[in-house]
Amino acid sequence: MNRHPRLFELLAYVQTHGTVSVEQLADTLGVTLQTVRRDVQRLADEGLLAR
C-alpha cells in the first residue's frame, strides 16, 4: 500500500474507532508494527494524531 493512502486510511480508522493499538492498526492496514509506528509518529509530528 502506498504511504499517502495508508496514512489517510490510518487516520480514518482512528477517527472511527477511537483509541486503537499499534497491533490493531498493523493488522487492519496489512503492514508491520514498525511501519505503523513510523506513520503514527509522522501524523503526531504534523499535529494530526495524538499518541
C-alpha atoms as a PDB file:
ATOM      1  CA  MET A   1       0.000   0.000   0.000  1.00  0.00           C
ATOM      2  CA  ASN A   2       1.333   3.437  -0.860  1.00  0.00           C
ATOM      3  CA  ARG A   3       2.187   5.694   2.038  1.00  0.00           C
ATOM      4  CA  HIS A   4      -0.319   8.505   1.460  1.00  0.00           C
ATOM      5  CA  PRO A   5      -3.414   6.317   1.040  1.00  0.00           C
ATOM      6  CA  ARG A   6      -2.247   4.326   4.071  1.00  0.00           C
ATOM      7  CA  LEU A   7      -1.913   7.466   6.190  1.00  0.00           C
ATOM      8  CA  PHE A   8      -5.418   8.523   5.167  1.00  0.00           C
ATOM      9  CA  GLU A   9      -6.761   5.063   5.993  1.00  0.00           C
ATOM     10  CA  LEU A  10      -4.956   5.083   9.350  1.00  0.00           C
ATOM     11  CA  LEU A  11      -6.488   8.442  10.272  1.00  0.00           C
ATOM     12  CA  ALA A  12      -9.953   7.332   9.168  1.00  0.00           C
ATOM     13  CA  TYR A  13      -9.682   4.140  11.215  1.00  0.00           C
ATOM     14  CA  VAL A  14      -8.642   6.025  14.351  1.00  0.00           C
ATOM     15  CA  GLN A  15     -11.424   8.585  13.873  1.00  0.00           C
ATOM     16  CA  THR A  16     -13.978   5.796  13.548  1.00  0.00           C
ATOM     17  CA  HIS A  17     -12.728   3.529  16.332  1.00  0.00           C
ATOM     18  CA  GLY A  18     -11.164   5.972  18.791  1.00  0.00           C
ATOM     19  CA  THR A  19      -8.257   4.585  20.765  1.00  0.00           C
ATOM     20  CA  VAL A  20      -6.628   1.670  18.948  1.00  0.00           C
ATOM     21  CA  SER A  21      -3.432  -0.295  19.415  1.00  0.00           C
ATOM     22  CA  VAL A  22      -0.486  -0.384  17.065  1.00  0.00           C
ATOM     23  CA  GLU A  23      -1.187  -4.087  16.635  1.00  0.00           C
ATOM     24  CA  GLN A  24      -4.788  -3.393  15.546  1.00  0.00           C
ATOM     25  CA  LEU A  25      -3.617  -0.818  13.029  1.00  0.00           C
ATOM     26  CA  ALA A  26      -0.914  -3.104  11.621  1.00  0.00           C
ATOM     27  CA  ASP A  27      -3.414  -5.933  11.198  1.00  0.00           C
ATOM     28  CA  THR A  28      -6.047  -3.681   9.635  1.00  0.00           C
ATOM     29  CA  LEU A  29      -3.638  -1.989   7.237  1.00  0.00           C
ATOM     30  CA  GLY A  30      -1.637  -5.126   6.434  1.00  0.00           C
ATOM     31  CA  VAL A  31       1.706  -3.592   7.362  1.00  0.00           C
ATOM     32  CA  THR A  32       4.364  -4.175  10.009  1.00  0.00           C
ATOM     33  CA  LEU A  33       4.327  -2.752  13.516  1.00  0.00           C
ATOM     34  CA  GLN A  34       7.369  -0.664  12.603  1.00  0.00           C
ATOM     35  CA  THR A  35       5.517   0.885   9.659  1.00  0.00           C
ATOM     36  CA  VAL A  36       2.539   1.787  11.842  1.00  0.00           C
ATOM     37  CA  ARG A  37       4.791   3.305  14.499  1.00  0.00           C
ATOM     38  CA  ARG A  38       6.564   5.409  11.874  1.00  0.00           C
ATOM     39  CA  ASP A  39       3.266   6.550  10.346  1.00  0.00           C
ATOM     40  CA  VAL A  40       1.757   7.379  13.743  1.00  0.00           C
ATOM     41  CA  GLN A  41       4.847   9.399  14.654  1.00  0.00           C
ATOM     42  CA  ARG A  42       4.676  11.310  11.377  1.00  0.00           C
ATOM     43  CA  LEU A  43       1.000  12.115  11.898  1.00  0.00           C
ATOM     44  CA  ALA A  44       1.655  13.120  15.509  1.00  0.00           C
ATOM     45  CA  ASP A  45       4.525  15.379  14.414  1.00  0.00           C
ATOM     46  CA  GLU A  46       2.141  17.064  11.967  1.00  0.00           C
ATOM     47  CA  GLY A  47      -0.462  17.531  14.708  1.00  0.00           C
ATOM     48  CA  LEU A  48      -2.979  15.249  13.025  1.00  0.00           C
ATOM     49  CA  LEU A  49      -2.968  12.490  15.621  1.00  0.00           C
ATOM     50  CA  ALA A  50      -2.435  12.310  19.364  1.00  0.00           C
ATOM     51  CA  ARG A  51      -0.408   9.408  20.674  1.00  0.00           C
END
